[in-house]
Amino acid sequence: MRFDEYQERRRVLEEQLQADLELIRSAHRTKLQALEQLWLSSAERAAAASTLPLEPQEQTETQTPVETQPTRRTGSAEYDVEDILPLLPDLFDKSDVIRALGWEPHRATLQRALDRLRIGQQIAVEVRGEGRRRTRYRKVGSG
């Protein structure tokens, strides 16, 4: 085998590795989204069940029970964080975001949403977190 053949085969293997890793990451993201949807669905059902009357209501033959599914779109936590951005103070951390949302997304989901805003230059890191000190973010174009 010549050196140039070796290099070409190695390059192809590296490209295959990157493609395989992206497939694995994509599958992992899909599994996390499905888990989040399952959790949201069960949380909403539990909340709905706690507000149901104790006496069961009679259903006629024409009535069909309606199962309510969450109306959250894929990546909705990321959109929700973007939607509440104007409500946040100029300097904020994750706890401010959670408080403004009114619910707590999975840690990785929240980080992905903040990273998306940072990459989109809507926010910037003001103070990088270290140890127990939280990362502080700043809205871009503010103060």
Protein backbone atom coordinates (compact mmCIF):
# COMPACT_ATOMS: atom_id res chain seq x y z
CA MET A 1 0.00 0.00 0.00
CA ARG A 2 1.30 3.40 -0.92
CA PHE A 3 1.26 6.32 1.51
CA ASP A 4 -1.31 8.27 -0.53
CA GLU A 5 -3.64 5.22 -0.50
CA TYR A 6 -3.19 5.00 3.26
CA GLN A 7 -4.05 8.69 3.68
CA GLU A 8 -7.13 8.41 1.46
CA ARG A 9 -8.44 5.36 3.33
CA ARG A 10 -7.78 7.06 6.65
CA ARG A 11 -9.66 10.20 5.49
CA VAL A 12 -12.63 8.06 4.40
CA LEU A 13 -12.64 6.29 7.77
CA GLU A 14 -12.60 9.63 9.60
CA GLU A 15 -15.53 10.86 7.49
CA GLN A 16 -17.45 7.65 8.25
CA LEU A 17 -16.73 8.10 11.95
CA GLN A 18 -18.09 11.66 11.91
CA ALA A 19 -21.21 10.56 10.00
CA ASP A 20 -21.77 7.67 12.45
CA LEU A 21 -21.35 9.97 15.45
CA GLU A 22 -23.89 12.41 14.02
CA LEU A 23 -26.37 9.56 13.55
CA ILE A 24 -25.87 8.51 17.16
CA ARG A 25 -26.29 12.10 18.39
CA SER A 26 -29.42 12.52 16.30
CA ALA A 27 -30.90 9.29 17.68
CA HIS A 28 -30.04 10.41 21.21
CA ARG A 29 -31.74 13.79 20.66
CA THR A 30 -34.82 12.00 19.33
CA LYS A 31 -34.92 9.73 22.38
CA LEU A 32 -34.60 12.72 24.72
CA GLN A 33 -37.42 14.53 22.93
CA ALA A 34 -39.64 11.45 23.15
CA LEU A 35 -38.88 11.11 26.85
CA GLU A 36 -39.66 14.80 27.41
CA GLN A 37 -42.96 14.43 25.52
CA LEU A 38 -43.83 11.36 27.60
CA TRP A 39 -43.07 13.22 30.81
CA LEU A 40 -45.07 16.27 29.74
CA SER A 41 -47.97 14.07 28.69
CA SER A 42 -48.02 12.23 32.02
CA ALA A 43 -47.68 15.48 33.97
CA GLU A 44 -50.59 17.02 32.07
CA ARG A 45 -52.71 13.90 32.55
CA ALA A 46 -51.98 13.91 36.27
CA ALA A 47 -52.94 17.58 36.48
CA ALA A 48 -56.13 16.93 34.51
CA ALA A 49 -57.01 13.92 36.66
CA SER A 50 -56.72 15.96 39.83
CA THR A 51 -59.35 18.41 38.51
CA LEU A 52 -61.85 15.74 37.40
CA PRO A 53 -65.09 15.39 39.41
CA LEU A 54 -65.24 12.47 41.80
CA GLU A 55 -68.54 11.17 40.33
CA PRO A 56 -68.08 9.64 36.85
CA GLN A 57 -70.29 11.23 34.20
CA GLU A 58 -72.38 9.02 31.95
CA GLN A 59 -71.47 9.03 28.31
CA THR A 60 -73.96 8.51 25.54
CA GLU A 61 -73.13 6.29 22.60
CA THR A 62 -72.39 9.33 20.42
CA GLN A 63 -69.85 10.74 22.84
CA THR A 64 -66.26 9.64 22.45
CA PRO A 65 -63.65 10.27 25.09
CA VAL A 66 -61.11 12.80 23.92
CA GLU A 67 -57.51 12.15 24.89
CA THR A 68 -55.65 15.42 25.12
CA GLN A 69 -52.08 15.36 23.91
CA PRO A 70 -49.61 18.08 24.71
CA THR A 71 -49.50 20.69 21.98
CA ARG A 72 -45.79 21.32 22.37
CA ARG A 73 -43.85 21.42 19.12
CA THR A 74 -40.49 19.73 18.73
CA GLY A 75 -37.85 21.92 20.33
CA SER A 76 -40.58 23.94 22.01
CA ALA A 77 -38.53 24.54 25.15
CA GLU A 78 -36.03 26.35 22.96
CA TYR A 79 -38.81 28.47 21.46
CA ASP A 80 -40.31 29.09 24.90
CA VAL A 81 -36.96 30.41 26.17
CA GLU A 82 -36.71 32.68 23.16
CA ASP A 83 -40.28 33.90 23.76
CA ILE A 84 -39.61 34.87 27.39
CA LEU A 85 -36.30 36.61 26.62
CA PRO A 86 -37.89 40.10 26.73
CA LEU A 87 -39.23 39.32 30.22
CA LEU A 88 -35.77 38.58 31.62
CA PRO A 89 -33.56 41.20 33.28
CA ASP A 90 -30.56 42.46 31.29
CA LEU A 91 -28.29 40.19 33.38
CA PHE A 92 -29.78 36.77 34.16
CA ASP A 93 -28.95 33.17 34.93
CA LYS A 94 -30.74 29.83 34.45
CA SER A 95 -32.86 30.24 37.56
CA ASP A 96 -34.26 33.51 36.14
CA VAL A 97 -35.15 31.67 32.93
CA ILE A 98 -36.88 28.84 34.83
CA ARG A 99 -38.81 31.35 36.93
CA ALA A 100 -39.95 33.22 33.80
CA LEU A 101 -40.95 29.99 32.04
CA GLY A 102 -43.01 28.80 34.96
CA TRP A 103 -41.70 25.26 34.48
CA GLU A 104 -38.30 23.59 34.46
CA PRO A 105 -37.07 21.99 31.26
CA HIS A 106 -34.45 19.26 31.34
CA ARG A 107 -30.99 20.66 32.10
CA ALA A 108 -29.59 19.77 28.67
CA THR A 109 -32.65 21.19 26.92
CA LEU A 110 -32.29 24.50 28.74
CA GLN A 111 -28.58 24.63 27.95
CA ARG A 112 -29.29 23.91 24.27
CA ALA A 113 -31.84 26.76 24.22
CA LEU A 114 -29.36 29.18 25.80
CA ASP A 115 -26.62 28.06 23.41
CA ARG A 116 -28.96 28.67 20.48
CA LEU A 117 -29.63 32.21 21.69
CA ARG A 118 -25.91 32.78 22.24
CA ILE A 119 -25.03 31.52 18.76
CA GLY A 120 -27.80 33.70 17.34
CA GLN A 121 -26.18 36.63 19.17
CA GLN A 122 -29.31 37.40 21.17
CA ILE A 123 -27.44 36.83 24.44
CA ALA A 124 -23.80 36.71 25.51
CA VAL A 125 -21.99 35.14 28.43
CA GLU A 126 -21.27 37.89 30.95
CA VAL A 127 -19.65 35.72 33.65
CA ARG A 128 -18.77 32.08 33.02
CA GLY A 129 -19.89 29.81 35.83
CA GLU A 130 -17.36 27.93 37.89
CA GLY A 131 -18.01 25.49 40.71
CA ARG A 132 -21.20 26.60 42.43
CA ARG A 133 -21.18 30.00 40.75
CA ARG A 134 -23.74 30.09 37.96
CA THR A 135 -23.09 31.37 34.47
CA ARG A 136 -24.59 34.85 34.01
CA TYR A 137 -25.90 35.91 30.64
CA ARG A 138 -26.45 39.37 29.20
CA LYS A 139 -29.03 40.33 26.60
CA VAL A 140 -27.22 41.66 23.55
CA GLY A 141 -28.05 45.30 22.85
CA SER A 142 -28.84 45.94 26.54
CA GLY A 143 -26.74 48.11 28.79
